[in-house]
């Protein structure tokens, strides 16, 4: 095919959380009316998605991709679809997956010229979908959040005798791994809120608060609990982080909830307690 022909395309996006708007591209549809070409490519692996959204429902996502593939194939077999110049790629894609509040959304249509629609589809898929597989987002763990505290304590020669401390209530129990006693028990809990979506961040805070409420019922223990919170790397999730912080500030035993940017204040309070034992 030597003569370049007009095409339109649309990108399929997986929006994990509509509030934060965090999304990843998972497919492309291309339409070239003059070449009778209407075809799409969707993601067949979800490793990248699971790295970014650990709580992704694998089975539901795979079923959705298969349904889109089937719909596009069926649409391409309808002769009228291949010749409709007045309908762009997004218009066709919406026949397969209508616009609603679901996690799969079509982008506005883009356009260009091609002398080989198949190769152009491959190129668009590589550019909009696959290339993001090369970048892996590593979420920080609770231990990652705690490591700077360890390092700073070591630099100052503060050898706090941390040890596990079990607290048992009527209905539930918990073990604080980083605890020590100085007249009363101090416990330090690093909590990474460097998660993929707003719901995950708030749910982790709620789980902590609920667990501590269950443990507090019926226990005679007096624990001064200090939370150290790790921020999300995605700045669009800072509102969810602030909500989670507020949730944890009202948890049972919570004496202090410290942002990782305030780590020096936490070190100073530990040092003060350590030297007054």
Protein backbone atom coordinates (compact mmCIF):
# COMPACT_ATOMS: atom_id res chain seq x y z
CA UNK A 1 0.00 0.00 0.00
CA UNK A 2 1.79 3.17 -1.20
CA UNK A 3 -0.79 5.89 -0.69
CA UNK A 4 -1.16 7.15 2.87
CA UNK A 5 -4.66 7.00 4.23
CA UNK A 6 -6.32 8.73 7.15
CA UNK A 7 -6.84 6.82 10.38
CA UNK A 8 -8.15 7.49 13.85
CA UNK A 9 -7.35 5.67 17.07
CA UNK A 10 -8.40 5.55 20.71
CA UNK A 11 -6.57 4.24 23.77
CA UNK A 12 -8.26 2.03 26.36
CA UNK A 13 -7.42 3.11 29.89
CA UNK A 14 -7.79 1.17 33.11
CA UNK A 15 -8.75 3.66 35.82
CA UNK A 16 -8.21 1.95 39.16
CA UNK A 17 -9.63 4.79 41.26
CA UNK A 18 -11.90 7.41 39.70
CA UNK A 19 -11.24 9.82 42.59
CA UNK A 20 -7.46 9.98 42.19
CA UNK A 21 -7.64 9.39 38.42
CA UNK A 22 -4.61 7.09 38.51
CA UNK A 23 -4.66 4.93 35.38
CA UNK A 24 -2.68 2.78 33.00
CA UNK A 25 -3.22 2.21 29.28
CA UNK A 26 -4.31 -1.33 28.42
CA UNK A 27 -5.32 -1.28 24.75
CA UNK A 28 -5.60 0.55 21.42
CA UNK A 29 -8.22 0.55 18.64
CA UNK A 30 -7.38 1.80 15.13
CA UNK A 31 -9.79 2.55 12.28
CA UNK A 32 -8.77 3.19 8.67
CA UNK A 33 -12.00 3.40 6.62
CA UNK A 34 -10.34 3.48 3.18
CA UNK A 35 -8.42 0.29 3.98
CA UNK A 36 -11.49 -1.39 5.50
CA UNK A 37 -9.46 -1.78 8.68
CA UNK A 38 -10.93 -1.82 12.18
CA UNK A 39 -8.87 -3.63 14.76
CA UNK A 40 -7.67 -3.40 18.34
CA UNK A 41 -5.00 -4.79 20.62
CA UNK A 42 -5.43 -5.24 24.35
CA UNK A 43 -3.09 -6.19 27.14
CA UNK A 44 -2.69 -9.94 27.66
CA UNK A 45 -0.43 -9.81 30.73
CA UNK A 46 -1.08 -7.92 33.96
CA UNK A 47 2.30 -7.92 35.69
CA UNK A 48 2.70 -4.18 35.23
CA UNK A 49 -0.84 -3.55 36.48
CA UNK A 50 -0.30 -5.68 39.59
CA UNK A 51 2.89 -3.80 40.37
CA UNK A 52 1.05 -0.51 40.36
CA UNK A 53 -2.30 -1.75 41.68
CA UNK A 54 -1.60 -4.73 44.00
CA UNK A 55 -5.29 -5.20 44.82
CA UNK A 56 -6.31 -5.56 41.16
CA UNK A 57 -8.87 -8.32 40.60
CA UNK A 58 -6.93 -10.44 38.10
CA UNK A 59 -9.83 -12.61 36.96
CA UNK A 60 -12.21 -9.70 36.46
CA UNK A 61 -9.64 -7.77 34.45
CA UNK A 62 -8.83 -10.74 32.19
CA UNK A 63 -12.54 -11.31 31.55
CA UNK A 64 -12.98 -7.66 30.63
CA UNK A 65 -10.10 -7.75 28.14
CA UNK A 66 -11.49 -10.89 26.49
CA UNK A 67 -14.91 -9.28 26.22
CA UNK A 68 -13.42 -6.21 24.51
CA UNK A 69 -11.48 -8.42 22.09
CA UNK A 70 -14.61 -10.39 21.19
CA UNK A 71 -16.64 -7.23 20.70
CA UNK A 72 -14.05 -5.65 18.40
CA UNK A 73 -13.76 -8.82 16.34
CA UNK A 74 -17.52 -9.03 15.91
CA UNK A 75 -17.74 -5.33 14.99
CA UNK A 76 -14.98 -5.66 12.37
CA UNK A 77 -16.96 -8.44 10.70
CA UNK A 78 -19.85 -6.07 10.02
CA UNK A 79 -19.20 -4.56 6.53
CA UNK A 80 -20.76 -1.21 7.33
CA UNK A 81 -18.32 -0.68 10.23
CA UNK A 82 -15.33 -0.86 7.92
CA UNK A 83 -16.57 1.88 5.60
CA UNK A 84 -18.05 4.37 8.09
CA UNK A 85 -15.91 7.46 7.55
CA UNK A 86 -18.13 9.57 9.76
CA UNK A 87 -17.44 7.35 12.79
CA UNK A 88 -13.97 7.55 14.31
CA UNK A 89 -12.16 4.82 16.25
CA UNK A 90 -13.59 6.01 19.56
CA UNK A 91 -17.12 5.92 18.18
CA UNK A 92 -16.64 2.30 17.14
CA UNK A 93 -14.97 1.42 20.46
CA UNK A 94 -17.94 2.83 22.36
CA UNK A 95 -20.18 0.34 20.55
CA UNK A 96 -18.16 -2.41 22.20
CA UNK A 97 -17.63 -0.78 25.59
CA UNK A 98 -20.00 2.15 26.27
CA UNK A 99 -18.87 5.05 28.40
CA UNK A 100 -19.98 4.67 32.02
CA UNK A 101 -18.52 4.77 35.53
CA UNK A 102 -16.56 1.53 35.11
CA UNK A 103 -12.78 1.28 35.39
CA UNK A 104 -12.30 0.93 31.61
CA UNK A 105 -12.47 4.19 29.67
CA UNK A 106 -11.70 5.21 26.08
CA UNK A 107 -9.49 8.22 25.43
CA UNK A 108 -10.42 11.00 22.99
CA UNK A 109 -9.66 10.01 19.41
CA UNK A 110 -6.28 10.72 17.86
CA UNK A 111 -5.59 10.81 14.12
CA UNK A 112 -2.87 10.41 11.52
CA UNK A 113 -1.89 9.03 8.13
CA UNK A 114 -0.69 5.49 7.41
CA UNK A 115 0.34 3.32 4.50
CA UNK A 116 0.19 0.17 6.66
CA UNK A 117 -2.60 0.08 9.28
CA UNK A 118 -1.32 -3.15 10.88
CA UNK A 119 2.12 -1.70 11.51
CA UNK A 120 0.62 1.54 12.73
CA UNK A 121 -1.54 -0.36 15.21
CA UNK A 122 1.57 -2.18 16.48
CA UNK A 123 3.43 1.12 16.81
CA UNK A 124 0.59 2.78 18.69
CA UNK A 125 0.30 -0.20 21.01
CA UNK A 126 4.03 -0.09 21.72
CA UNK A 127 3.97 3.66 22.35
CA UNK A 128 0.84 3.89 24.47
CA UNK A 129 0.78 0.56 26.28
CA UNK A 130 3.88 -1.64 26.26
CA UNK A 131 6.55 0.99 26.79
CA UNK A 132 5.26 1.61 30.30
CA UNK A 133 6.17 -1.97 31.18
CA UNK A 134 9.79 -0.88 31.17
CA UNK A 135 9.24 1.30 34.21
CA UNK A 136 8.50 -0.49 37.44
CA UNK A 137 7.04 1.38 40.41
CA UNK A 138 8.42 -0.05 43.63
CA UNK A 139 6.17 0.62 46.59
CA UNK A 140 7.99 1.18 49.86
CA UNK A 141 7.37 -1.34 52.63
CA UNK A 142 6.91 -0.67 56.33
CA UNK A 143 10.54 -1.64 56.89
CA UNK A 144 11.64 0.84 54.23
CA UNK A 145 9.93 3.59 56.22
CA UNK A 146 11.61 2.45 59.46
CA UNK A 147 15.15 2.12 58.06
CA UNK A 148 16.04 5.85 58.33
CA UNK A 149 15.12 5.72 62.02
CA UNK A 150 17.48 2.79 62.56
CA UNK A 151 20.25 4.60 60.72
CA UNK A 152 19.87 7.87 62.65
CA UNK A 153 19.72 6.10 66.01
CA UNK A 154 22.91 4.23 65.13
CA UNK A 155 24.63 7.48 64.07
CA UNK A 156 23.83 9.01 67.47
CA UNK A 157 24.90 5.90 69.38
CA UNK A 158 21.40 5.37 70.77
CA UNK A 159 21.08 1.65 71.36
CA UNK A 160 17.41 1.32 72.21
CA UNK A 161 16.63 -2.23 73.41
CA UNK A 162 13.71 -2.83 71.06
CA UNK A 163 11.86 -6.11 71.56
CA UNK A 164 8.48 -7.61 70.63
CA UNK A 165 5.64 -6.74 72.98
CA UNK A 166 2.38 -8.67 72.90
CA UNK A 167 -0.83 -6.95 73.97
CA UNK A 168 -3.80 -9.20 74.57
CA UNK A 169 -7.36 -7.98 74.82
CA UNK A 170 -10.62 -9.81 75.38
CA UNK A 171 -11.30 -10.31 71.67
CA UNK A 172 -7.99 -9.87 69.90
CA UNK A 173 -4.25 -9.44 70.33
CA UNK A 174 -1.33 -7.77 68.63
CA UNK A 175 2.45 -7.90 68.76
CA UNK A 176 4.39 -4.67 68.47
CA UNK A 177 7.78 -5.71 67.09
CA UNK A 178 9.61 -2.49 67.99
CA UNK A 179 8.84 -1.84 71.64
CA UNK A 180 10.83 -1.02 74.76
CA UNK A 181 10.06 -0.17 78.36
CA UNK A 182 10.94 2.98 80.26
CA UNK A 183 8.54 3.13 83.19
CA UNK A 184 5.85 2.27 80.65
CA UNK A 185 5.95 0.60 77.26
CA UNK A 186 6.73 2.53 74.09
CA UNK A 187 5.94 0.93 70.73
CA UNK A 188 6.96 2.22 67.31
CA UNK A 189 5.10 1.18 64.19
CA UNK A 190 6.24 2.19 60.70
CA UNK A 191 3.29 2.21 58.30
CA UNK A 192 3.92 2.66 54.60
CA UNK A 193 1.04 4.41 52.88
CA UNK A 194 2.97 4.39 49.63
CA UNK A 195 0.19 2.48 47.90
CA UNK A 196 -1.33 2.57 44.43
CA UNK A 197 -4.72 4.09 45.11
CA UNK A 198 -6.71 6.20 47.54
CA UNK A 199 -8.92 3.35 48.77
CA UNK A 200 -5.89 1.20 49.57
CA UNK A 201 -4.33 4.00 51.62
CA UNK A 202 -7.47 4.66 53.64
CA UNK A 203 -8.25 0.96 54.05
CA UNK A 204 -4.83 0.31 55.60
CA UNK A 205 -5.45 3.07 58.14
CA UNK A 206 -8.91 1.70 58.90
CA UNK A 207 -7.52 -1.80 59.43
CA UNK A 208 -5.01 -0.47 61.92
CA UNK A 209 -7.65 1.51 63.79
CA UNK A 210 -10.08 -1.41 63.86
CA UNK A 211 -7.43 -3.88 65.00
CA UNK A 212 -6.30 -1.61 67.83
CA UNK A 213 -9.90 -1.03 68.94
CA UNK A 214 -10.42 -4.78 69.22
CA UNK A 215 -7.20 -5.23 71.19
CA UNK A 216 -7.92 -2.31 73.53
CA UNK A 217 -11.11 -3.94 74.76
CA UNK A 218 -10.29 -5.74 77.99
CA UNK A 219 -6.52 -5.17 78.13
CA UNK A 220 -4.88 -3.65 81.22
CA UNK A 221 -1.77 -2.70 79.25
CA UNK A 222 -0.65 0.90 78.94
CA UNK A 223 1.14 1.33 75.62
CA UNK A 224 2.42 4.57 74.17
CA UNK A 225 2.17 3.87 70.45
CA UNK A 226 4.07 6.01 67.95
CA UNK A 227 3.16 5.65 64.27
CA UNK A 228 5.66 6.67 61.59
CA UNK A 229 3.85 7.15 58.28
CA UNK A 230 5.41 6.83 54.82
CA UNK A 231 3.91 9.10 52.17
CA UNK A 232 2.68 7.90 48.75
CA UNK A 233 5.01 8.64 45.85
CA UNK A 234 2.04 9.72 43.74
CA UNK A 235 1.32 13.29 44.86
CA UNK A 236 -2.29 13.03 43.63
CA UNK A 237 -2.88 10.67 46.57
CA UNK A 238 -1.83 13.13 49.29
CA UNK A 239 -5.45 13.96 50.18
CA UNK A 240 -6.09 10.26 50.83
CA UNK A 241 -2.88 10.16 52.87
CA UNK A 242 -4.05 13.10 55.03
CA UNK A 243 -7.36 11.32 55.62
CA UNK A 244 -5.54 8.13 56.61
CA UNK A 245 -3.30 10.10 59.00
CA UNK A 246 -6.37 11.60 60.68
CA UNK A 247 -7.91 8.13 61.02
CA UNK A 248 -4.80 6.82 62.75
CA UNK A 249 -4.52 9.80 65.07
CA UNK A 250 -7.76 8.65 66.69
CA UNK A 251 -6.73 5.01 67.07
CA UNK A 252 -6.47 3.38 70.49
CA UNK A 253 -3.00 3.58 72.10
CA UNK A 254 -1.87 6.16 69.49
CA UNK A 255 0.24 8.67 71.40
CA UNK A 256 1.89 10.16 68.33
CA UNK A 257 1.42 9.96 64.55
CA UNK A 258 4.49 11.25 62.75
CA UNK A 259 4.96 11.98 59.05
CA UNK A 260 8.25 10.66 57.67
CA UNK A 261 9.24 14.26 56.92
CA UNK A 262 9.23 14.84 60.68
CA UNK A 263 11.53 11.94 61.44
CA UNK A 264 14.04 14.14 63.31
CA UNK A 265 11.35 15.02 65.86
CA UNK A 266 10.71 11.32 66.42
CA UNK A 267 14.44 10.65 66.88
CA UNK A 268 14.70 13.44 69.44
CA UNK A 269 11.77 12.10 71.44
CA UNK A 270 13.28 8.60 71.44
CA UNK A 271 16.64 10.02 72.50
CA UNK A 272 15.04 11.98 75.34
CA UNK A 273 13.22 8.91 76.64
CA UNK A 274 16.35 6.80 76.27
CA UNK A 275 18.52 9.13 78.35
CA UNK A 276 15.91 9.48 81.12
CA UNK A 277 15.49 5.76 81.73
